[in-house]
């Protein structure tokens, strides 16, 4: 029998679907020497991606590293003088998300930035900063598929978040999510690049991430005034 938050069968998913808008399906694999840097290089397809790393005050790495690739949705808010808050509120609709016991608190959702110009959305402030060329006031990407590295247990988790609304049957939703996890597993199981150490690893991480983020910003669509579309 599945434990709390554990979804491994269609009947369990059917029960949880009544109470949650988003259910993460998770596949556990051995870490086998993989690192955030090596997985970024393996999974990089040239689009936007992110990596979240936590370090303690004494310099020790935190328990989890989180990688997101191939965002489902992006939101760009340009500095054009219009009020972006109504559209932003519509986009950030609260959802009932199942908390999976093996995952960190963040296991999918919006990742991005709010720039200095965002402060002017709610109040008048002097803006003495030159606007960066081609950069919007805010940029968000929605990631539904992630890799979570657990450095304590030495395992990695492949995560795909399933939206339960809509007319698709539970069988269809579960089968689609399992197919995504199968493809994800093939991708992370490919040949790993040579490991990087010390400052070289930090530089390589920067080389992987920054160009992808910049490319995503340039290609981002303008803000939508409607609710976030159902991915199904």
C-alpha atoms as a PDB file:
ATOM      1  CA  UNK A   1       0.000   0.000   0.000  1.00  0.00           C
ATOM      2  CA  UNK A   2       1.320   3.447  -0.837  1.00  0.00           C
ATOM      3  CA  UNK A   3       2.334   5.823   1.962  1.00  0.00           C
ATOM      4  CA  UNK A   4       1.236   9.456   2.374  1.00  0.00           C
ATOM      5  CA  UNK A   5       2.036  11.436  -0.762  1.00  0.00           C
ATOM      6  CA  UNK A   6       3.226   8.346  -2.635  1.00  0.00           C
ATOM      7  CA  UNK A   7       1.555   7.894  -6.024  1.00  0.00           C
ATOM      8  CA  UNK A   8       2.453   4.615  -7.709  1.00  0.00           C
ATOM      9  CA  UNK A   9      -0.831   3.232  -9.029  1.00  0.00           C
ATOM     10  CA  UNK A  10      -3.779   4.497 -11.005  1.00  0.00           C
ATOM     11  CA  UNK A  11      -6.246   3.857  -8.182  1.00  0.00           C
ATOM     12  CA  UNK A  12      -4.146   5.909  -5.735  1.00  0.00           C
ATOM     13  CA  UNK A  13      -3.968   8.721  -8.262  1.00  0.00           C
ATOM     14  CA  UNK A  14      -7.737   8.616  -8.737  1.00  0.00           C
ATOM     15  CA  UNK A  15      -8.309   9.131  -5.011  1.00  0.00           C
ATOM     16  CA  UNK A  16      -5.774  11.967  -4.754  1.00  0.00           C
ATOM     17  CA  UNK A  17      -7.141  13.649  -7.852  1.00  0.00           C
ATOM     18  CA  UNK A  18     -10.293  14.601  -5.962  1.00  0.00           C
ATOM     19  CA  UNK A  19      -8.337  16.761  -3.507  1.00  0.00           C
ATOM     20  CA  UNK A  20      -5.351  18.114  -5.462  1.00  0.00           C
ATOM     21  CA  UNK A  21      -4.889  20.225  -8.595  1.00  0.00           C
ATOM     22  CA  UNK A  22      -1.280  19.130  -9.118  1.00  0.00           C
ATOM     23  CA  UNK A  23       0.198  15.715  -8.270  1.00  0.00           C
ATOM     24  CA  UNK A  24       3.937  15.024  -8.684  1.00  0.00           C
ATOM     25  CA  UNK A  25       4.817  11.609 -10.074  1.00  0.00           C
ATOM     26  CA  UNK A  26       8.319  10.624  -9.032  1.00  0.00           C
ATOM     27  CA  UNK A  27      10.888   8.067 -10.135  1.00  0.00           C
ATOM     28  CA  UNK A  28      13.887   7.269  -7.908  1.00  0.00           C
ATOM     29  CA  UNK A  29      17.297   6.409  -9.381  1.00  0.00           C
ATOM     30  CA  UNK A  30      20.778   5.926  -7.892  1.00  0.00           C
ATOM     31  CA  UNK A  31      22.944   9.032  -8.104  1.00  0.00           C
ATOM     32  CA  UNK A  32      25.883   7.040  -9.537  1.00  0.00           C
ATOM     33  CA  UNK A  33      28.324   9.946  -9.374  1.00  0.00           C
ATOM     34  CA  UNK A  34      26.123  12.393 -11.258  1.00  0.00           C
ATOM     35  CA  UNK A  35      26.392  16.052 -10.305  1.00  0.00           C
ATOM     36  CA  UNK A  36      24.297  19.120 -11.029  1.00  0.00           C
ATOM     37  CA  UNK A  37      26.895  20.268 -13.567  1.00  0.00           C
ATOM     38  CA  UNK A  38      27.084  16.946 -15.403  1.00  0.00           C
ATOM     39  CA  UNK A  39      23.294  16.659 -15.546  1.00  0.00           C
ATOM     40  CA  UNK A  40      22.956  20.214 -16.847  1.00  0.00           C
ATOM     41  CA  UNK A  41      25.329  19.420 -19.676  1.00  0.00           C
ATOM     42  CA  UNK A  42      23.492  16.182 -20.417  1.00  0.00           C
ATOM     43  CA  UNK A  43      20.004  17.717 -20.384  1.00  0.00           C
ATOM     44  CA  UNK A  44      20.804  21.040 -22.037  1.00  0.00           C
ATOM     45  CA  UNK A  45      18.864  21.334 -25.302  1.00  0.00           C
ATOM     46  CA  UNK A  46      19.580  25.032 -25.817  1.00  0.00           C
ATOM     47  CA  UNK A  47      16.450  26.385 -24.114  1.00  0.00           C
ATOM     48  CA  UNK A  48      15.873  28.036 -20.717  1.00  0.00           C
ATOM     49  CA  UNK A  49      16.835  26.023 -17.657  1.00  0.00           C
ATOM     50  CA  UNK A  50      17.659  26.578 -14.014  1.00  0.00           C
ATOM     51  CA  UNK A  51      19.620  25.054 -11.171  1.00  0.00           C
ATOM     52  CA  UNK A  52      19.045  25.719  -7.465  1.00  0.00           C
ATOM     53  CA  UNK A  53      21.938  24.906  -5.149  1.00  0.00           C
ATOM     54  CA  UNK A  54      21.979  25.521  -1.410  1.00  0.00           C
ATOM     55  CA  UNK A  55      25.141  26.039   0.620  1.00  0.00           C
ATOM     56  CA  UNK A  56      25.351  26.283   4.389  1.00  0.00           C
ATOM     57  CA  UNK A  57      27.152  29.153   6.160  1.00  0.00           C
ATOM     58  CA  UNK A  58      30.243  27.019   6.641  1.00  0.00           C
ATOM     59  CA  UNK A  59      30.454  26.362   2.909  1.00  0.00           C
ATOM     60  CA  UNK A  60      29.021  22.851   2.975  1.00  0.00           C
ATOM     61  CA  UNK A  61      26.598  22.005   0.212  1.00  0.00           C
ATOM     62  CA  UNK A  62      22.975  21.595   1.216  1.00  0.00           C
ATOM     63  CA  UNK A  63      21.071  18.353   0.876  1.00  0.00           C
ATOM     64  CA  UNK A  64      19.344  19.031  -2.455  1.00  0.00           C
ATOM     65  CA  UNK A  65      20.197  20.338  -5.900  1.00  0.00           C
ATOM     66  CA  UNK A  66      17.236  21.061  -8.183  1.00  0.00           C
ATOM     67  CA  UNK A  67      17.378  21.264 -11.981  1.00  0.00           C
ATOM     68  CA  UNK A  68      14.529  22.320 -14.254  1.00  0.00           C
ATOM     69  CA  UNK A  69      14.556  22.162 -18.054  1.00  0.00           C
ATOM     70  CA  UNK A  70      12.110  22.739 -20.930  1.00  0.00           C
ATOM     71  CA  UNK A  71       9.634  25.105 -19.255  1.00  0.00           C
ATOM     72  CA  UNK A  72       5.994  24.682 -20.231  1.00  0.00           C
ATOM     73  CA  UNK A  73       5.206  28.398 -20.093  1.00  0.00           C
ATOM     74  CA  UNK A  74       6.931  31.764 -19.889  1.00  0.00           C
ATOM     75  CA  UNK A  75       5.754  35.202 -18.860  1.00  0.00           C
ATOM     76  CA  UNK A  76       7.546  38.410 -19.791  1.00  0.00           C
ATOM     77  CA  UNK A  77       6.492  41.787 -18.359  1.00  0.00           C
ATOM     78  CA  UNK A  78       7.881  44.657 -20.383  1.00  0.00           C
ATOM     79  CA  UNK A  79       8.644  48.163 -19.107  1.00  0.00           C
ATOM     80  CA  UNK A  80       5.951  49.838 -21.249  1.00  0.00           C
ATOM     81  CA  UNK A  81       4.130  51.866 -18.580  1.00  0.00           C
ATOM     82  CA  UNK A  82       1.034  49.647 -18.372  1.00  0.00           C
ATOM     83  CA  UNK A  83      -0.159  48.122 -15.080  1.00  0.00           C
ATOM     84  CA  UNK A  84       1.033  44.486 -15.041  1.00  0.00           C
ATOM     85  CA  UNK A  85      -0.467  43.512 -11.666  1.00  0.00           C
ATOM     86  CA  UNK A  86      -3.956  42.378 -12.812  1.00  0.00           C
ATOM     87  CA  UNK A  87      -2.434  40.063 -15.430  1.00  0.00           C
ATOM     88  CA  UNK A  88       0.182  38.801 -12.970  1.00  0.00           C
ATOM     89  CA  UNK A  89      -2.482  38.009 -10.354  1.00  0.00           C
ATOM     90  CA  UNK A  90      -4.443  36.062 -12.963  1.00  0.00           C
ATOM     91  CA  UNK A  91      -1.351  34.056 -13.882  1.00  0.00           C
ATOM     92  CA  UNK A  92      -0.416  33.171 -10.287  1.00  0.00           C
ATOM     93  CA  UNK A  93      -3.619  31.361  -9.361  1.00  0.00           C
ATOM     94  CA  UNK A  94      -3.199  29.308  -6.151  1.00  0.00           C
ATOM     95  CA  UNK A  95      -3.254  25.553  -6.726  1.00  0.00           C
ATOM     96  CA  UNK A  96      -3.643  22.619  -4.336  1.00  0.00           C
ATOM     97  CA  UNK A  97      -0.334  20.782  -4.763  1.00  0.00           C
ATOM     98  CA  UNK A  98       0.347  17.387  -3.215  1.00  0.00           C
ATOM     99  CA  UNK A  99       3.399  17.433  -0.956  1.00  0.00           C
ATOM    100  CA  UNK A 100       5.624  14.451  -1.765  1.00  0.00           C
ATOM    101  CA  UNK A 101       7.577  13.202   1.294  1.00  0.00           C
ATOM    102  CA  UNK A 102      10.840  12.572  -0.596  1.00  0.00           C
ATOM    103  CA  UNK A 103      11.058  15.977  -2.278  1.00  0.00           C
ATOM    104  CA  UNK A 104      12.138  19.421  -1.066  1.00  0.00           C
ATOM    105  CA  UNK A 105       9.516  22.129  -0.563  1.00  0.00           C
ATOM    106  CA  UNK A 106       9.984  23.400  -4.116  1.00  0.00           C
ATOM    107  CA  UNK A 107       9.312  20.697  -6.698  1.00  0.00           C
ATOM    108  CA  UNK A 108       7.919  22.695  -9.605  1.00  0.00           C
ATOM    109  CA  UNK A 109       6.430  26.054 -10.466  1.00  0.00           C
ATOM    110  CA  UNK A 110       7.552  29.505 -11.523  1.00  0.00           C
ATOM    111  CA  UNK A 111      11.252  30.430 -11.579  1.00  0.00           C
ATOM    112  CA  UNK A 112      12.601  33.775 -12.717  1.00  0.00           C
ATOM    113  CA  UNK A 113      13.246  37.309 -11.547  1.00  0.00           C
ATOM    114  CA  UNK A 114      11.641  40.651 -10.738  1.00  0.00           C
ATOM    115  CA  UNK A 115      13.961  43.496 -11.686  1.00  0.00           C
ATOM    116  CA  UNK A 116      14.429  46.957 -10.203  1.00  0.00           C
ATOM    117  CA  UNK A 117      11.628  48.321 -12.376  1.00  0.00           C
ATOM    118  CA  UNK A 118       9.082  46.082 -10.634  1.00  0.00           C
ATOM    119  CA  UNK A 119       9.279  48.316  -7.562  1.00  0.00           C
ATOM    120  CA  UNK A 120       7.570  51.027  -9.599  1.00  0.00           C
ATOM    121  CA  UNK A 121       4.471  48.897 -10.165  1.00  0.00           C
ATOM    122  CA  UNK A 122       3.041  49.725  -6.730  1.00  0.00           C
ATOM    123  CA  UNK A 123       4.602  53.115  -5.854  1.00  0.00           C
ATOM    124  CA  UNK A 124       6.353  56.049  -7.408  1.00  0.00           C
ATOM    125  CA  UNK A 125      10.084  55.851  -6.879  1.00  0.00           C
ATOM    126  CA  UNK A 126      12.938  57.697  -8.545  1.00  0.00           C
ATOM    127  CA  UNK A 127      14.529  55.531 -11.220  1.00  0.00           C
ATOM    128  CA  UNK A 128      18.112  56.585 -11.720  1.00  0.00           C
ATOM    129  CA  UNK A 129      19.140  53.241 -13.175  1.00  0.00           C
ATOM    130  CA  UNK A 130      19.564  52.917 -16.893  1.00  0.00           C
ATOM    131  CA  UNK A 131      17.226  50.299 -18.360  1.00  0.00           C
ATOM    132  CA  UNK A 132      19.187  47.238 -19.457  1.00  0.00           C
ATOM    133  CA  UNK A 133      18.789  46.704 -23.182  1.00  0.00           C
ATOM    134  CA  UNK A 134      16.281  43.977 -24.114  1.00  0.00           C
ATOM    135  CA  UNK A 135      15.573  43.046 -20.483  1.00  0.00           C
ATOM    136  CA  UNK A 136      11.944  43.068 -19.286  1.00  0.00           C
ATOM    137  CA  UNK A 137      10.964  44.240 -15.805  1.00  0.00           C
ATOM    138  CA  UNK A 138      10.132  40.648 -14.870  1.00  0.00           C
ATOM    139  CA  UNK A 139      10.546  37.215 -16.380  1.00  0.00           C
ATOM    140  CA  UNK A 140       9.039  33.947 -15.144  1.00  0.00           C
ATOM    141  CA  UNK A 141       9.270  30.412 -16.487  1.00  0.00           C
ATOM    142  CA  UNK A 142       6.984  27.565 -15.376  1.00  0.00           C
ATOM    143  CA  UNK A 143       8.797  24.256 -14.895  1.00  0.00           C
ATOM    144  CA  UNK A 144       6.809  21.037 -14.468  1.00  0.00           C
ATOM    145  CA  UNK A 145       9.650  18.547 -14.967  1.00  0.00           C
ATOM    146  CA  UNK A 146      12.638  18.528 -12.653  1.00  0.00           C
ATOM    147  CA  UNK A 147      15.609  16.501 -11.492  1.00  0.00           C
ATOM    148  CA  UNK A 148      16.227  16.570  -7.741  1.00  0.00           C
ATOM    149  CA  UNK A 149      19.597  15.355  -6.444  1.00  0.00           C
ATOM    150  CA  UNK A 150      19.602  14.165  -2.828  1.00  0.00           C
ATOM    151  CA  UNK A 151      23.235  14.344  -1.724  1.00  0.00           C
ATOM    152  CA  UNK A 152      22.526  12.683   1.639  1.00  0.00           C
ATOM    153  CA  UNK A 153      20.755   9.572   0.336  1.00  0.00           C
ATOM    154  CA  UNK A 154      22.854   9.641  -2.884  1.00  0.00           C
ATOM    155  CA  UNK A 155      19.805   9.288  -5.107  1.00  0.00           C
ATOM    156  CA  UNK A 156      18.149  11.432  -7.721  1.00  0.00           C
ATOM    157  CA  UNK A 157      14.444  11.907  -8.289  1.00  0.00           C
ATOM    158  CA  UNK A 158      12.850  12.500 -11.676  1.00  0.00           C
ATOM    159  CA  UNK A 159       9.711  14.574 -11.210  1.00  0.00           C
ATOM    160  CA  UNK A 160       6.833  15.329 -13.551  1.00  0.00           C
ATOM    161  CA  UNK A 161       3.915  17.337 -12.200  1.00  0.00           C
ATOM    162  CA  UNK A 162       0.489  16.229 -13.405  1.00  0.00           C
ATOM    163  CA  UNK A 163      -2.393  18.719 -13.595  1.00  0.00           C
ATOM    164  CA  UNK A 164      -5.573  16.906 -12.634  1.00  0.00           C
ATOM    165  CA  UNK A 165      -8.210  19.263 -14.098  1.00  0.00           C
ATOM    166  CA  UNK A 166      -9.790  18.702 -17.488  1.00  0.00           C
ATOM    167  CA  UNK A 167     -11.583  15.843 -19.158  1.00  0.00           C
ATOM    168  CA  UNK A 168      -8.678  13.406 -19.522  1.00  0.00           C
ATOM    169  CA  UNK A 169      -9.125  10.144 -17.643  1.00  0.00           C
ATOM    170  CA  UNK A 170      -6.880   9.120 -14.794  1.00  0.00           C
ATOM    171  CA  UNK A 171      -5.482   6.320 -16.960  1.00  0.00           C
ATOM    172  CA  UNK A 172      -4.516   8.825 -19.652  1.00  0.00           C
ATOM    173  CA  UNK A 173      -2.910  11.218 -17.182  1.00  0.00           C
ATOM    174  CA  UNK A 174      -0.863   8.496 -15.494  1.00  0.00           C
ATOM    175  CA  UNK A 175       0.193   6.929 -18.810  1.00  0.00           C
ATOM    176  CA  UNK A 176       1.289  10.320 -20.151  1.00  0.00           C
ATOM    177  CA  UNK A 177       3.290  11.063 -17.008  1.00  0.00           C
ATOM    178  CA  UNK A 178       4.958   7.627 -17.075  1.00  0.00           C
ATOM    179  CA  UNK A 179       5.946   8.193 -20.714  1.00  0.00           C
ATOM    180  CA  UNK A 180       7.536  11.515 -19.746  1.00  0.00           C
ATOM    181  CA  UNK A 181       9.434   9.834 -16.904  1.00  0.00           C
ATOM    182  CA  UNK A 182      10.637   7.101 -19.287  1.00  0.00           C
ATOM    183  CA  UNK A 183      12.026   9.723 -21.691  1.00  0.00           C
ATOM    184  CA  UNK A 184      13.505  11.672 -18.775  1.00  0.00           C
ATOM    185  CA  UNK A 185      15.248   8.546 -17.477  1.00  0.00           C
ATOM    186  CA  UNK A 186      16.760   7.848 -20.892  1.00  0.00           C
ATOM    187  CA  UNK A 187      18.040  11.433 -21.036  1.00  0.00           C
ATOM    188  CA  UNK A 188      19.731  11.422 -17.608  1.00  0.00           C
ATOM    189  CA  UNK A 189      21.158   7.938 -18.187  1.00  0.00           C
ATOM    190  CA  UNK A 190      23.153   9.043 -21.213  1.00  0.00           C
ATOM    191  CA  UNK A 191      26.941   9.419 -21.218  1.00  0.00           C
ATOM    192  CA  UNK A 192      28.087  11.822 -18.525  1.00  0.00           C
ATOM    193  CA  UNK A 193      30.714  14.492 -19.312  1.00  0.00           C
ATOM    194  CA  UNK A 194      34.049  14.560 -17.528  1.00  0.00           C
ATOM    195  CA  UNK A 195      33.643  15.872 -13.952  1.00  0.00           C
ATOM    196  CA  UNK A 196      34.667  19.433 -13.134  1.00  0.00           C
ATOM    197  CA  UNK A 197      36.246  20.376  -9.827  1.00  0.00           C
ATOM    198  CA  UNK A 198      36.753  23.539  -7.811  1.00  0.00           C
ATOM    199  CA  UNK A 199      36.274  26.883  -9.539  1.00  0.00           C
ATOM    200  CA  UNK A 200      36.148  25.152 -12.926  1.00  0.00           C
ATOM    201  CA  UNK A 201      32.848  23.575 -11.883  1.00  0.00           C
ATOM    202  CA  UNK A 202      31.419  26.964 -10.959  1.00  0.00           C
ATOM    203  CA  UNK A 203      32.542  28.437 -14.262  1.00  0.00           C
ATOM    204  CA  UNK A 204      31.085  25.513 -16.187  1.00  0.00           C
ATOM    205  CA  UNK A 205      27.795  25.882 -14.341  1.00  0.00           C
ATOM    206  CA  UNK A 206      27.735  29.574 -15.238  1.00  0.00           C
ATOM    207  CA  UNK A 207      28.521  28.769 -18.874  1.00  0.00           C
ATOM    208  CA  UNK A 208      25.612  26.298 -18.983  1.00  0.00           C
ATOM    209  CA  UNK A 209      22.987  28.469 -17.328  1.00  0.00           C
ATOM    210  CA  UNK A 210      23.518  32.116 -18.251  1.00  0.00           C
ATOM    211  CA  UNK A 211      23.361  31.829 -22.052  1.00  0.00           C
ATOM    212  CA  UNK A 212      20.205  29.718 -21.786  1.00  0.00           C
ATOM    213  CA  UNK A 213      18.499  32.252 -19.510  1.00  0.00           C
ATOM    214  CA  UNK A 214      19.452  35.144 -21.760  1.00  0.00           C
ATOM    215  CA  UNK A 215      18.137  33.273 -24.795  1.00  0.00           C
ATOM    216  CA  UNK A 216      14.879  32.540 -23.000  1.00  0.00           C
ATOM    217  CA  UNK A 217      14.442  36.211 -22.058  1.00  0.00           C
ATOM    218  CA  UNK A 218      14.924  37.332 -25.637  1.00  0.00           C
ATOM    219  CA  UNK A 219      12.425  34.759 -26.890  1.00  0.00           C
ATOM    220  CA  UNK A 220       9.811  35.310 -24.166  1.00  0.00           C
ATOM    221  CA  UNK A 221       6.217  36.122 -25.023  1.00  0.00           C
ATOM    222  CA  UNK A 222       4.414  39.224 -23.650  1.00  0.00           C
ATOM    223  CA  UNK A 223       2.248  39.001 -20.545  1.00  0.00           C
ATOM    224  CA  UNK A 224      -1.036  37.162 -20.931  1.00  0.00           C
ATOM    225  CA  UNK A 225      -4.155  38.747 -19.476  1.00  0.00           C
ATOM    226  CA  UNK A 226      -5.920  35.420 -18.926  1.00  0.00           C
ATOM    227  CA  UNK A 227      -5.517  32.558 -16.442  1.00  0.00           C
ATOM    228  CA  UNK A 228      -2.687  30.092 -16.770  1.00  0.00           C
ATOM    229  CA  UNK A 229      -3.776  27.582 -19.436  1.00  0.00           C
ATOM    230  CA  UNK A 230      -4.297  23.942 -18.520  1.00  0.00           C
ATOM    231  CA  UNK A 231      -1.258  22.083 -19.912  1.00  0.00           C
ATOM    232  CA  UNK A 232      -3.467  19.227 -21.089  1.00  0.00           C
END
